[in-house]
Amino acid sequence: MRGPFARFLVRRVVTALLLAVGITLVTFVLTNLVPGDPAAANLGQRALGDPAIVAQWRADHGLDRPLPQQYLMHLAGLLHGDLGTSQQSHRPVLDDLAQSVPATLELAGAAILVSLVLGVGFGVVAALRRDRFSDHVLRVLSLIGISVPTFWLALVAFYVFFFRLQVTPGSGRIDPGMTPPPQVTGLYTVDALLSGRWDVFSSAVGHLAAPALVLALYTIGLLTRFTRSAVLEVLGQDYVRAARAKGLPGRVVLFRYVLRPALVPIITVAGLAFGSLLSGTVLVEAVFAWPGVGQYAYKSATTLDLPAVMGVGLVVGVVYLVINLVVDVLYGVIDPRVRVS
């Protein structure tokens, strides 16, 4: 089985690399199709009135060259780990992303973890108690979770729990005046644990709780409904009826015969949901002043910072590719038919 699965994995890795090249082309083309003049967005009015200064600025940023040549320069820089220089921070885009990506990963990671635990758990309970009161309640709650706009929920949560009730800390990743833990992963909760700074860990968890729960609500509703459907489909299979007829305990039937085959479609939805969480944190990060990729992308877009916009697009695209690759590997681990085929 190792041979076919290894070939399957190699094909997926090669496909991911080709798609990564395609992502660089798409992000470059779409970024350059955005209406507006980067020189006008970055130069002051006095400098913009001097054609010599504008021409020099375009030459310094390579905007005076044909688009194919600009793309080749961009691709060559990527091969050397150079995403360009941000026009708003005047720092390498890679350094800016190294600060903002871990913040978004921490937020999205906490949200998807909560979503998996609650969404899958609620979905299993709803399926096992089909058409009962608890099933109806969970289905209504999941529908509410899917329907409520995330940005509106973020505003309400911030106003009620911080401004009115003062049960959650304010904006940011840790309390004002606290120094961040020594950077190892960039995740404040993990780095605080590694360095033994329990006060920073407690503060980081407190600041993370509200935005993570707000961000997770939609995914919880989605996973609840999808898990319920997947489990109900498996419960109707003949081998599940046979296992019950043998007198096996309900726990054994659930974990050995029901959940494993139901996990394949659930993993697909969870992978796509995690990718959407990473790329959809802009409004939540804005409300809670979370210094992540969403905030960085918003500032870059408003100033027409083309290298930064392309860097963000590349990071989000690569994250989707990695998630899809991990999902494919998990398919082979969970479903033996994938390993054989």
C-alpha atoms as a PDB file:
ATOM      1  CA  MET A   1       0.000   0.000   0.000  1.00  0.00           C
ATOM      2  CA  ARG A   2       2.933   2.312   0.550  1.00  0.00           C
ATOM      3  CA  GLY A   3       3.787   2.424  -3.140  1.00  0.00           C
ATOM      4  CA  PRO A   4       0.406   3.640  -4.448  1.00  0.00           C
ATOM      5  CA  PHE A   5      -0.056   6.040  -1.551  1.00  0.00           C
ATOM      6  CA  ALA A   6       3.470   7.431  -1.975  1.00  0.00           C
ATOM      7  CA  ARG A   7       2.797   8.035  -5.677  1.00  0.00           C
ATOM      8  CA  PHE A   8      -0.512   9.633  -4.753  1.00  0.00           C
ATOM      9  CA  LEU A   9       1.283  11.942  -2.315  1.00  0.00           C
ATOM     10  CA  VAL A  10       3.985  12.861  -4.842  1.00  0.00           C
ATOM     11  CA  ARG A  11       1.332  13.764  -7.417  1.00  0.00           C
ATOM     12  CA  ARG A  12      -0.396  15.988  -4.886  1.00  0.00           C
ATOM     13  CA  VAL A  13       2.863  17.750  -3.973  1.00  0.00           C
ATOM     14  CA  VAL A  14       3.752  18.355  -7.630  1.00  0.00           C
ATOM     15  CA  THR A  15       0.239  19.633  -8.320  1.00  0.00           C
ATOM     16  CA  ALA A  16       0.502  21.963  -5.314  1.00  0.00           C
ATOM     17  CA  LEU A  17       3.794  23.393  -6.622  1.00  0.00           C
ATOM     18  CA  LEU A  18       2.275  24.061 -10.043  1.00  0.00           C
ATOM     19  CA  LEU A  19      -0.743  25.676  -8.439  1.00  0.00           C
ATOM     20  CA  ALA A  20       1.571  27.845  -6.334  1.00  0.00           C
ATOM     21  CA  VAL A  21       3.122  29.213  -9.533  1.00  0.00           C
ATOM     22  CA  GLY A  22      -0.377  29.837 -10.863  1.00  0.00           C
ATOM     23  CA  ILE A  23      -1.259  31.692  -7.665  1.00  0.00           C
ATOM     24  CA  THR A  24       1.689  34.037  -8.130  1.00  0.00           C
ATOM     25  CA  LEU A  25       0.490  34.822 -11.666  1.00  0.00           C
ATOM     26  CA  VAL A  26      -3.126  35.364 -10.633  1.00  0.00           C
ATOM     27  CA  THR A  27      -2.245  37.596  -7.675  1.00  0.00           C
ATOM     28  CA  PHE A  28       0.129  39.629  -9.831  1.00  0.00           C
ATOM     29  CA  VAL A  29      -2.380  40.138 -12.639  1.00  0.00           C
ATOM     30  CA  LEU A  30      -5.324  40.941 -10.356  1.00  0.00           C
ATOM     31  CA  THR A  31      -3.256  43.326  -8.254  1.00  0.00           C
ATOM     32  CA  ASN A  32      -2.147  45.259 -11.298  1.00  0.00           C
ATOM     33  CA  LEU A  33      -5.720  45.407 -12.609  1.00  0.00           C
ATOM     34  CA  VAL A  34      -6.859  47.312  -9.515  1.00  0.00           C
ATOM     35  CA  PRO A  35      -7.818  50.858 -10.565  1.00  0.00           C
ATOM     36  CA  GLY A  36      -5.688  53.598  -9.091  1.00  0.00           C
ATOM     37  CA  ASP A  37      -2.173  54.956  -9.238  1.00  0.00           C
ATOM     38  CA  PRO A  38       0.282  53.649  -6.601  1.00  0.00           C
ATOM     39  CA  ALA A  39       2.364  56.813  -7.025  1.00  0.00           C
ATOM     40  CA  ALA A  40      -0.645  58.995  -6.208  1.00  0.00           C
ATOM     41  CA  ALA A  41      -1.438  56.852  -3.162  1.00  0.00           C
ATOM     42  CA  ASN A  42       2.103  56.973  -1.749  1.00  0.00           C
ATOM     43  CA  LEU A  43       3.465  60.379  -2.774  1.00  0.00           C
ATOM     44  CA  GLY A  44       2.318  63.677  -1.335  1.00  0.00           C
ATOM     45  CA  GLN A  45       0.583  66.313  -3.409  1.00  0.00           C
ATOM     46  CA  ARG A  46       3.720  68.410  -3.809  1.00  0.00           C
ATOM     47  CA  ALA A  47       5.842  65.438  -4.902  1.00  0.00           C
ATOM     48  CA  LEU A  48       3.065  64.208  -7.185  1.00  0.00           C
ATOM     49  CA  GLY A  49       3.150  67.510  -9.053  1.00  0.00           C
ATOM     50  CA  ASP A  50       6.793  66.977 -10.033  1.00  0.00           C
ATOM     51  CA  PRO A  51       7.056  64.561 -13.014  1.00  0.00           C
ATOM     52  CA  ALA A  52      10.720  63.880 -12.257  1.00  0.00           C
ATOM     53  CA  ILE A  53       9.941  62.682  -8.721  1.00  0.00           C
ATOM     54  CA  VAL A  54       7.063  60.496  -9.977  1.00  0.00           C
ATOM     55  CA  ALA A  55       9.261  58.969 -12.695  1.00  0.00           C
ATOM     56  CA  GLN A  56      12.039  58.276 -10.179  1.00  0.00           C
ATOM     57  CA  TRP A  57       9.572  56.677  -7.754  1.00  0.00           C
ATOM     58  CA  ARG A  58       8.201  54.408 -10.489  1.00  0.00           C
ATOM     59  CA  ALA A  59      11.734  53.446 -11.540  1.00  0.00           C
ATOM     60  CA  ASP A  60      12.738  52.656  -7.946  1.00  0.00           C
ATOM     61  CA  HIS A  61       9.760  50.296  -7.590  1.00  0.00           C
ATOM     62  CA  GLY A  62      10.053  48.772 -11.085  1.00  0.00           C
ATOM     63  CA  LEU A  63       6.696  50.151 -12.212  1.00  0.00           C
ATOM     64  CA  ASP A  64       8.163  51.733 -15.337  1.00  0.00           C
ATOM     65  CA  ARG A  65       8.833  48.336 -16.925  1.00  0.00           C
ATOM     66  CA  PRO A  66       6.431  46.155 -18.960  1.00  0.00           C
ATOM     67  CA  LEU A  67       4.134  43.903 -16.943  1.00  0.00           C
ATOM     68  CA  PRO A  68       5.714  40.610 -18.145  1.00  0.00           C
ATOM     69  CA  GLN A  69       9.116  41.865 -17.028  1.00  0.00           C
ATOM     70  CA  GLN A  70       7.669  42.984 -13.709  1.00  0.00           C
ATOM     71  CA  TYR A  71       6.184  39.508 -13.178  1.00  0.00           C
ATOM     72  CA  LEU A  72       9.493  37.801 -13.973  1.00  0.00           C
ATOM     73  CA  MET A  73      11.234  40.094 -11.497  1.00  0.00           C
ATOM     74  CA  HIS A  74       8.562  39.268  -8.926  1.00  0.00           C
ATOM     75  CA  LEU A  75       8.967  35.525  -9.564  1.00  0.00           C
ATOM     76  CA  ALA A  76      12.762  35.747  -9.313  1.00  0.00           C
ATOM     77  CA  GLY A  77      12.426  37.537  -6.001  1.00  0.00           C
ATOM     78  CA  LEU A  78      10.084  34.841  -4.689  1.00  0.00           C
ATOM     79  CA  LEU A  79      12.617  32.138  -5.542  1.00  0.00           C
ATOM     80  CA  HIS A  80      15.131  33.996  -3.359  1.00  0.00           C
ATOM     81  CA  GLY A  81      12.637  34.552  -0.545  1.00  0.00           C
ATOM     82  CA  ASP A  82      12.126  38.207  -1.444  1.00  0.00           C
ATOM     83  CA  LEU A  83       8.511  39.403  -1.536  1.00  0.00           C
ATOM     84  CA  GLY A  84       9.518  42.982  -2.190  1.00  0.00           C
ATOM     85  CA  THR A  85       9.515  46.074   0.005  1.00  0.00           C
ATOM     86  CA  SER A  86       6.326  47.471   1.473  1.00  0.00           C
ATOM     87  CA  GLN A  87       5.573  50.985   0.295  1.00  0.00           C
ATOM     88  CA  GLN A  88       3.771  51.838   3.545  1.00  0.00           C
ATOM     89  CA  SER A  89       6.217  50.490   6.147  1.00  0.00           C
ATOM     90  CA  HIS A  90       9.376  50.659   3.985  1.00  0.00           C
ATOM     91  CA  ARG A  91      10.314  47.239   5.307  1.00  0.00           C
ATOM     92  CA  PRO A  92      10.566  43.902   3.519  1.00  0.00           C
ATOM     93  CA  VAL A  93       7.099  42.428   3.056  1.00  0.00           C
ATOM     94  CA  LEU A  94       8.406  39.126   4.403  1.00  0.00           C
ATOM     95  CA  ASP A  95       9.292  40.803   7.715  1.00  0.00           C
ATOM     96  CA  ASP A  96       5.842  42.412   7.949  1.00  0.00           C
ATOM     97  CA  LEU A  97       4.137  39.095   7.253  1.00  0.00           C
ATOM     98  CA  ALA A  98       6.374  37.343   9.793  1.00  0.00           C
ATOM     99  CA  GLN A  99       4.765  39.575  12.431  1.00  0.00           C
ATOM    100  CA  SER A 100       1.162  39.526  11.209  1.00  0.00           C
ATOM    101  CA  VAL A 101       0.772  35.905  10.024  1.00  0.00           C
ATOM    102  CA  PRO A 102       1.373  34.290  13.466  1.00  0.00           C
ATOM    103  CA  ALA A 103      -1.278  36.569  15.002  1.00  0.00           C
ATOM    104  CA  THR A 104      -3.850  35.465  12.411  1.00  0.00           C
ATOM    105  CA  LEU A 105      -2.777  31.821  12.704  1.00  0.00           C
ATOM    106  CA  GLU A 106      -3.298  31.988  16.470  1.00  0.00           C
ATOM    107  CA  LEU A 107      -6.749  33.527  16.060  1.00  0.00           C
ATOM    108  CA  ALA A 108      -7.863  31.200  13.258  1.00  0.00           C
ATOM    109  CA  GLY A 109      -6.313  28.162  14.950  1.00  0.00           C
ATOM    110  CA  ALA A 110      -8.210  28.815  18.178  1.00  0.00           C
ATOM    111  CA  ALA A 111     -11.406  29.391  16.204  1.00  0.00           C
ATOM    112  CA  ILE A 112     -11.120  26.157  14.206  1.00  0.00           C
ATOM    113  CA  LEU A 113     -10.251  24.176  17.350  1.00  0.00           C
ATOM    114  CA  VAL A 114     -13.368  25.445  19.115  1.00  0.00           C
ATOM    115  CA  SER A 115     -15.377  24.845  15.940  1.00  0.00           C
ATOM    116  CA  LEU A 116     -14.229  21.237  15.618  1.00  0.00           C
ATOM    117  CA  VAL A 117     -14.919  20.371  19.246  1.00  0.00           C
ATOM    118  CA  LEU A 118     -18.322  22.037  19.435  1.00  0.00           C
ATOM    119  CA  GLY A 119     -19.453  21.628  15.814  1.00  0.00           C
ATOM    120  CA  VAL A 120     -18.634  17.914  15.511  1.00  0.00           C
ATOM    121  CA  GLY A 121     -19.916  17.233  19.031  1.00  0.00           C
ATOM    122  CA  PHE A 122     -23.210  19.037  18.420  1.00  0.00           C
ATOM    123  CA  GLY A 123     -23.590  17.336  15.033  1.00  0.00           C
ATOM    124  CA  VAL A 124     -23.127  13.857  16.513  1.00  0.00           C
ATOM    125  CA  VAL A 125     -25.612  14.573  19.308  1.00  0.00           C
ATOM    126  CA  ALA A 126     -28.152  15.938  16.829  1.00  0.00           C
ATOM    127  CA  ALA A 127     -27.794  12.867  14.606  1.00  0.00           C
ATOM    128  CA  LEU A 128     -28.099  10.382  17.480  1.00  0.00           C
ATOM    129  CA  ARG A 129     -31.181  12.210  18.800  1.00  0.00           C
ATOM    130  CA  ARG A 130     -32.801  12.761  15.430  1.00  0.00           C
ATOM    131  CA  ASP A 131     -36.179  14.562  15.446  1.00  0.00           C
ATOM    132  CA  ARG A 132     -36.083  14.978  19.231  1.00  0.00           C
ATOM    133  CA  PHE A 133     -36.164  18.268  21.107  1.00  0.00           C
ATOM    134  CA  SER A 134     -32.373  18.535  21.432  1.00  0.00           C
ATOM    135  CA  ASP A 135     -31.992  17.901  17.690  1.00  0.00           C
ATOM    136  CA  HIS A 136     -34.396  20.713  16.842  1.00  0.00           C
ATOM    137  CA  VAL A 137     -32.649  23.101  19.251  1.00  0.00           C
ATOM    138  CA  LEU A 138     -29.207  22.355  17.800  1.00  0.00           C
ATOM    139  CA  ARG A 139     -30.464  22.739  14.238  1.00  0.00           C
ATOM    140  CA  VAL A 140     -31.979  26.140  15.070  1.00  0.00           C
ATOM    141  CA  LEU A 141     -28.785  27.273  16.812  1.00  0.00           C
ATOM    142  CA  SER A 142     -26.661  26.124  13.884  1.00  0.00           C
ATOM    143  CA  LEU A 143     -28.912  28.028  11.488  1.00  0.00           C
ATOM    144  CA  ILE A 144     -28.495  31.156  13.622  1.00  0.00           C
ATOM    145  CA  GLY A 145     -24.725  30.682  13.612  1.00  0.00           C
ATOM    146  CA  ILE A 146     -24.650  30.474   9.835  1.00  0.00           C
ATOM    147  CA  SER A 147     -27.005  33.406   9.337  1.00  0.00           C
ATOM    148  CA  VAL A 148     -25.617  36.024  11.741  1.00  0.00           C
ATOM    149  CA  PRO A 149     -23.075  38.332  10.002  1.00  0.00           C
ATOM    150  CA  THR A 150     -19.665  37.955  11.620  1.00  0.00           C
ATOM    151  CA  PHE A 151     -18.831  41.665  11.582  1.00  0.00           C
ATOM    152  CA  TRP A 152     -22.130  42.529  13.321  1.00  0.00           C
ATOM    153  CA  LEU A 153     -21.565  39.855  15.947  1.00  0.00           C
ATOM    154  CA  ALA A 154     -18.031  41.159  16.548  1.00  0.00           C
ATOM    155  CA  LEU A 155     -19.318  44.684  17.129  1.00  0.00           C
ATOM    156  CA  VAL A 156     -22.066  43.487  19.487  1.00  0.00           C
ATOM    157  CA  ALA A 157     -19.693  41.207  21.418  1.00  0.00           C
ATOM    158  CA  PHE A 158     -17.115  43.963  21.827  1.00  0.00           C
ATOM    159  CA  TYR A 159     -19.727  46.489  22.969  1.00  0.00           C
ATOM    160  CA  VAL A 160     -21.585  44.182  25.372  1.00  0.00           C
ATOM    161  CA  PHE A 161     -18.806  42.124  26.938  1.00  0.00           C
ATOM    162  CA  PHE A 162     -16.053  44.770  27.031  1.00  0.00           C
ATOM    163  CA  PHE A 163     -17.714  48.170  27.090  1.00  0.00           C
ATOM    164  CA  ARG A 164     -20.844  47.335  29.092  1.00  0.00           C
ATOM    165  CA  LEU A 165     -20.133  44.269  31.221  1.00  0.00           C
ATOM    166  CA  GLN A 166     -16.308  44.558  31.245  1.00  0.00           C
ATOM    167  CA  VAL A 167     -15.908  40.777  31.473  1.00  0.00           C
ATOM    168  CA  THR A 168     -13.452  40.541  28.591  1.00  0.00           C
ATOM    169  CA  PRO A 169     -10.204  42.468  28.093  1.00  0.00           C
ATOM    170  CA  GLY A 170      -9.903  45.175  25.466  1.00  0.00           C
ATOM    171  CA  SER A 171      -8.288  45.123  22.088  1.00  0.00           C
ATOM    172  CA  GLY A 172      -4.886  43.765  21.141  1.00  0.00           C
ATOM    173  CA  ARG A 173      -3.204  40.461  21.919  1.00  0.00           C
ATOM    174  CA  ILE A 174      -2.105  41.154  25.519  1.00  0.00           C
ATOM    175  CA  ASP A 175      -2.753  43.779  28.191  1.00  0.00           C
ATOM    176  CA  PRO A 176      -1.149  47.212  27.729  1.00  0.00           C
ATOM    177  CA  GLY A 177       2.196  47.484  29.500  1.00  0.00           C
ATOM    178  CA  MET A 178       2.975  43.782  29.182  1.00  0.00           C
ATOM    179  CA  THR A 179       5.995  42.790  27.153  1.00  0.00           C
ATOM    180  CA  PRO A 180       5.437  39.997  24.602  1.00  0.00           C
ATOM    181  CA  PRO A 181       7.075  36.648  25.363  1.00  0.00           C
ATOM    182  CA  PRO A 182      10.340  35.722  23.611  1.00  0.00           C
ATOM    183  CA  GLN A 183       9.397  34.884  20.041  1.00  0.00           C
ATOM    184  CA  VAL A 184       9.690  31.228  19.112  1.00  0.00           C
ATOM    185  CA  THR A 185       6.534  30.530  17.107  1.00  0.00           C
ATOM    186  CA  GLY A 186       4.984  34.008  17.090  1.00  0.00           C
ATOM    187  CA  LEU A 187       1.908  32.624  18.886  1.00  0.00           C
ATOM    188  CA  TYR A 188       1.720  34.477  22.194  1.00  0.00           C
ATOM    189  CA  THR A 189      -0.066  31.651  24.001  1.00  0.00           C
ATOM    190  CA  VAL A 190       2.488  29.047  22.935  1.00  0.00           C
ATOM    191  CA  ASP A 191       5.527  31.289  23.420  1.00  0.00           C
ATOM    192  CA  ALA A 192       4.299  32.312  26.884  1.00  0.00           C
ATOM    193  CA  LEU A 193       3.999  28.644  27.867  1.00  0.00           C
ATOM    194  CA  LEU A 194       7.461  27.848  26.497  1.00  0.00           C
ATOM    195  CA  SER A 195       9.014  30.709  28.446  1.00  0.00           C
ATOM    196  CA  GLY A 196       7.010  30.016  31.610  1.00  0.00           C
ATOM    197  CA  ARG A 197       5.376  33.451  31.676  1.00  0.00           C
ATOM    198  CA  TRP A 198       1.993  32.509  33.079  1.00  0.00           C
ATOM    199  CA  ASP A 199       0.786  36.092  33.439  1.00  0.00           C
ATOM    200  CA  VAL A 200       1.313  36.704  29.733  1.00  0.00           C
ATOM    201  CA  PHE A 201      -0.338  33.368  28.907  1.00  0.00           C
ATOM    202  CA  SER A 202      -3.421  34.256  30.952  1.00  0.00           C
ATOM    203  CA  SER A 203      -3.627  37.676  29.314  1.00  0.00           C
ATOM    204  CA  ALA A 204      -3.170  36.229  25.821  1.00  0.00           C
ATOM    205  CA  VAL A 205      -5.908  33.640  26.361  1.00  0.00           C
ATOM    206  CA  GLY A 206      -8.261  36.322  27.689  1.00  0.00           C
ATOM    207  CA  HIS A 207      -7.675  38.548  24.679  1.00  0.00           C
ATOM    208  CA  LEU A 208      -7.986  35.588  22.304  1.00  0.00           C
ATOM    209  CA  ALA A 209     -11.259  34.203  23.666  1.00  0.00           C
ATOM    210  CA  ALA A 210     -13.761  36.796  22.412  1.00  0.00           C
ATOM    211  CA  PRO A 211     -12.547  37.205  18.795  1.00  0.00           C
ATOM    212  CA  ALA A 212     -11.972  33.458  18.442  1.00  0.00           C
ATOM    213  CA  LEU A 213     -15.511  32.638  19.610  1.00  0.00           C
ATOM    214  CA  VAL A 214     -16.996  35.300  17.324  1.00  0.00           C
ATOM    215  CA  LEU A 215     -15.003  33.972  14.385  1.00  0.00           C
ATOM    216  CA  ALA A 216     -15.914  30.368  15.222  1.00  0.00           C
ATOM    217  CA  LEU A 217     -19.691  30.833  15.398  1.00  0.00           C
ATOM    218  CA  TYR A 218     -20.284  30.475  11.651  1.00  0.00           C
ATOM    219  CA  THR A 219     -17.998  27.435  11.404  1.00  0.00           C
ATOM    220  CA  ILE A 220     -19.673  25.800  14.408  1.00  0.00           C
ATOM    221  CA  GLY A 221     -23.049  26.120  12.710  1.00  0.00           C
ATOM    222  CA  LEU A 222     -21.653  24.807   9.435  1.00  0.00           C
ATOM    223  CA  LEU A 223     -19.917  21.807  11.013  1.00  0.00           C
ATOM    224  CA  THR A 224     -22.952  21.000  13.162  1.00  0.00           C
ATOM    225  CA  ARG A 225     -25.243  20.706  10.150  1.00  0.00           C
ATOM    226  CA  PHE A 226     -22.675  18.909   7.997  1.00  0.00           C
ATOM    227  CA  THR A 227     -21.681  16.450  10.743  1.00  0.00           C
ATOM    228  CA  ARG A 228     -25.324  15.666  11.435  1.00  0.00           C
ATOM    229  CA  SER A 229     -25.920  14.823   7.763  1.00  0.00           C
ATOM    230  CA  ALA A 230     -22.724  12.746   7.486  1.00  0.00           C
ATOM    231  CA  VAL A 231     -23.445  10.743  10.653  1.00  0.00           C
ATOM    232  CA  LEU A 232     -27.078  10.135   9.668  1.00  0.00           C
ATOM    233  CA  GLU A 233     -25.918   8.806   6.295  1.00  0.00           C
ATOM    234  CA  VAL A 234     -23.507   6.362   7.950  1.00  0.00           C
ATOM    235  CA  LEU A 235     -26.049   5.290  10.569  1.00  0.00           C
ATOM    236  CA  GLY A 236     -28.240   3.985   7.752  1.00  0.00           C
ATOM    237  CA  GLN A 237     -25.571   1.640   6.383  1.00  0.00           C
ATOM    238  CA  ASP A 238     -25.958  -2.135   6.652  1.00  0.00           C
ATOM    239  CA  TYR A 239     -22.671  -2.694   8.516  1.00  0.00           C
ATOM    240  CA  VAL A 240     -23.811  -0.338  11.291  1.00  0.00           C
ATOM    241  CA  ARG A 241     -27.063  -2.269  11.637  1.00  0.00           C
ATOM    242  CA  ALA A 242     -25.054  -5.505  11.723  1.00  0.00           C
ATOM    243  CA  ALA A 243     -22.786  -4.154  14.447  1.00  0.00           C
ATOM    244  CA  ARG A 244     -25.799  -3.206  16.529  1.00  0.00           C
ATOM    245  CA  ALA A 245     -27.402  -6.585  15.886  1.00  0.00           C
ATOM    246  CA  LYS A 246     -24.274  -8.273  17.274  1.00  0.00           C
ATOM    247  CA  GLY A 247     -24.903  -6.512  20.561  1.00  0.00           C
ATOM    248  CA  LEU A 248     -21.820  -4.289  20.462  1.00  0.00           C
ATOM    249  CA  PRO A 249     -21.862  -1.386  22.943  1.00  0.00           C
ATOM    250  CA  GLY A 250     -23.126   1.905  21.559  1.00  0.00           C
ATOM    251  CA  ARG A 251     -19.768   3.595  22.210  1.00  0.00           C
ATOM    252  CA  VAL A 252     -17.943   0.986  20.127  1.00  0.00           C
ATOM    253  CA  VAL A 253     -20.443   1.305  17.288  1.00  0.00           C
ATOM    254  CA  LEU A 254     -20.178   5.087  17.339  1.00  0.00           C
ATOM    255  CA  PHE A 255     -16.391   5.447  17.370  1.00  0.00           C
ATOM    256  CA  ARG A 256     -15.416   2.388  15.323  1.00  0.00           C
ATOM    257  CA  TYR A 257     -18.202   2.047  12.769  1.00  0.00           C
ATOM    258  CA  VAL A 258     -19.813   5.489  12.479  1.00  0.00           C
ATOM    259  CA  LEU A 259     -17.358   8.311  13.128  1.00  0.00           C
ATOM    260  CA  ARG A 260     -14.450   7.017  11.059  1.00  0.00           C
ATOM    261  CA  PRO A 261     -16.270   6.855   7.699  1.00  0.00           C
ATOM    262  CA  ALA A 262     -18.135  10.065   8.543  1.00  0.00           C
ATOM    263  CA  LEU A 263     -14.857  11.922   9.149  1.00  0.00           C
ATOM    264  CA  VAL A 264     -13.882  12.048   5.464  1.00  0.00           C
ATOM    265  CA  PRO A 265     -16.454  14.665   4.395  1.00  0.00           C
ATOM    266  CA  ILE A 266     -16.126  16.432   7.767  1.00  0.00           C
ATOM    267  CA  ILE A 267     -12.375  16.862   7.248  1.00  0.00           C
ATOM    268  CA  THR A 268     -13.039  18.383   3.824  1.00  0.00           C
ATOM    269  CA  VAL A 269     -15.387  20.988   5.272  1.00  0.00           C
ATOM    270  CA  ALA A 270     -13.056  21.665   8.220  1.00  0.00           C
ATOM    271  CA  GLY A 271     -10.097  22.234   5.892  1.00  0.00           C
ATOM    272  CA  LEU A 272     -12.007  24.680   3.716  1.00  0.00           C
ATOM    273  CA  ALA A 273     -13.388  26.390   6.830  1.00  0.00           C
ATOM    274  CA  PHE A 274      -9.894  26.880   8.240  1.00  0.00           C
ATOM    275  CA  GLY A 275      -8.746  28.442   4.996  1.00  0.00           C
ATOM    276  CA  SER A 276     -11.745  30.763   4.956  1.00  0.00           C
ATOM    277  CA  LEU A 277     -11.070  31.729   8.570  1.00  0.00           C
ATOM    278  CA  LEU A 278      -7.532  32.760   7.683  1.00  0.00           C
ATOM    279  CA  SER A 279      -8.682  34.856   4.744  1.00  0.00           C
ATOM    280  CA  GLY A 280     -11.847  36.197   6.383  1.00  0.00           C
ATOM    281  CA  THR A 281     -10.524  37.704   9.619  1.00  0.00           C
ATOM    282  CA  VAL A 282     -10.337  41.275   8.289  1.00  0.00           C
ATOM    283  CA  LEU A 283     -13.457  42.645  10.001  1.00  0.00           C
ATOM    284  CA  VAL A 284     -12.958  40.732  13.257  1.00  0.00           C
ATOM    285  CA  GLU A 285      -9.349  41.900  13.453  1.00  0.00           C
ATOM    286  CA  ALA A 286     -10.474  45.468  12.777  1.00  0.00           C
ATOM    287  CA  VAL A 287     -13.066  45.408  15.589  1.00  0.00           C
ATOM    288  CA  PHE A 288     -10.734  43.857  18.153  1.00  0.00           C
ATOM    289  CA  ALA A 289      -7.600  45.680  16.873  1.00  0.00           C
ATOM    290  CA  TRP A 290      -5.915  42.335  16.295  1.00  0.00           C
ATOM    291  CA  PRO A 291      -2.615  42.950  14.457  1.00  0.00           C
ATOM    292  CA  GLY A 292      -2.952  40.148  11.929  1.00  0.00           C
ATOM    293  CA  VAL A 293      -2.972  39.606   8.183  1.00  0.00           C
ATOM    294  CA  GLY A 294      -6.438  41.119   7.858  1.00  0.00           C
ATOM    295  CA  GLN A 295      -5.339  44.452   9.280  1.00  0.00           C
ATOM    296  CA  TYR A 296      -2.185  44.391   7.184  1.00  0.00           C
ATOM    297  CA  ALA A 297      -4.123  43.549   4.009  1.00  0.00           C
ATOM    298  CA  TYR A 298      -6.634  46.348   4.639  1.00  0.00           C
ATOM    299  CA  LYS A 299      -3.937  48.980   5.126  1.00  0.00           C
ATOM    300  CA  SER A 300      -2.051  47.706   2.078  1.00  0.00           C
ATOM    301  CA  ALA A 301      -5.143  47.834  -0.115  1.00  0.00           C
ATOM    302  CA  THR A 302      -6.103  51.363   0.950  1.00  0.00           C
ATOM    303  CA  THR A 303      -2.618  52.673   0.118  1.00  0.00           C
ATOM    304  CA  LEU A 304      -2.228  50.617  -3.092  1.00  0.00           C
ATOM    305  CA  ASP A 305       0.829  48.929  -1.608  1.00  0.00           C
ATOM    306  CA  LEU A 306       1.191  46.426  -4.463  1.00  0.00           C
ATOM    307  CA  PRO A 307       4.070  44.298  -3.050  1.00  0.00           C
ATOM    308  CA  ALA A 308       2.237  43.914   0.255  1.00  0.00           C
ATOM    309  CA  VAL A 309      -1.066  43.032  -1.457  1.00  0.00           C
ATOM    310  CA  MET A 310       0.660  40.408  -3.595  1.00  0.00           C
ATOM    311  CA  GLY A 311       2.430  39.048  -0.515  1.00  0.00           C
ATOM    312  CA  VAL A 312      -0.852  38.648   1.355  1.00  0.00           C
ATOM    313  CA  GLY A 313      -2.489  36.991  -1.654  1.00  0.00           C
ATOM    314  CA  LEU A 314       0.419  34.581  -1.978  1.00  0.00           C
ATOM    315  CA  VAL A 315       0.320  33.661   1.717  1.00  0.00           C
ATOM    316  CA  VAL A 316      -3.431  33.004   1.672  1.00  0.00           C
ATOM    317  CA  GLY A 317      -3.109  30.929  -1.511  1.00  0.00           C
ATOM    318  CA  VAL A 318      -0.245  28.858  -0.104  1.00  0.00           C
ATOM    319  CA  VAL A 319      -2.210  28.263   3.098  1.00  0.00           C
ATOM    320  CA  TYR A 320      -5.095  26.855   1.050  1.00  0.00           C
ATOM    321  CA  LEU A 321      -2.675  24.595  -0.849  1.00  0.00           C
ATOM    322  CA  VAL A 322      -1.112  23.296   2.371  1.00  0.00           C
ATOM    323  CA  ILE A 323      -4.525  22.670   3.918  1.00  0.00           C
ATOM    324  CA  ASN A 324      -5.692  20.742   0.838  1.00  0.00           C
ATOM    325  CA  LEU A 325      -2.482  18.694   0.921  1.00  0.00           C
ATOM    326  CA  VAL A 326      -2.984  17.870   4.608  1.00  0.00           C
ATOM    327  CA  VAL A 327      -6.603  16.909   3.902  1.00  0.00           C
ATOM    328  CA  ASP A 328      -5.468  14.568   1.115  1.00  0.00           C
ATOM    329  CA  VAL A 329      -2.978  12.900   3.473  1.00  0.00           C
ATOM    330  CA  LEU A 330      -5.653  12.504   6.145  1.00  0.00           C
ATOM    331  CA  TYR A 331      -7.901  10.869   3.553  1.00  0.00           C
ATOM    332  CA  GLY A 332      -5.276   8.161   3.130  1.00  0.00           C
ATOM    333  CA  VAL A 333      -4.877   7.744   6.878  1.00  0.00           C
ATOM    334  CA  ILE A 334      -8.601   7.441   7.585  1.00  0.00           C
ATOM    335  CA  ASP A 335      -9.879   5.690   4.453  1.00  0.00           C
ATOM    336  CA  PRO A 336      -7.863   2.620   3.317  1.00  0.00           C
ATOM    337  CA  ARG A 337      -9.487   2.813  -0.127  1.00  0.00           C
ATOM    338  CA  VAL A 338      -7.497   5.957  -0.869  1.00  0.00           C
ATOM    339  CA  ARG A 339      -4.242   4.182  -0.008  1.00  0.00           C
ATOM    340  CA  VAL A 340      -5.114   1.290  -2.299  1.00  0.00           C
ATOM    341  CA  SER A 341      -6.255   3.417  -5.243  1.00  0.00           C
END
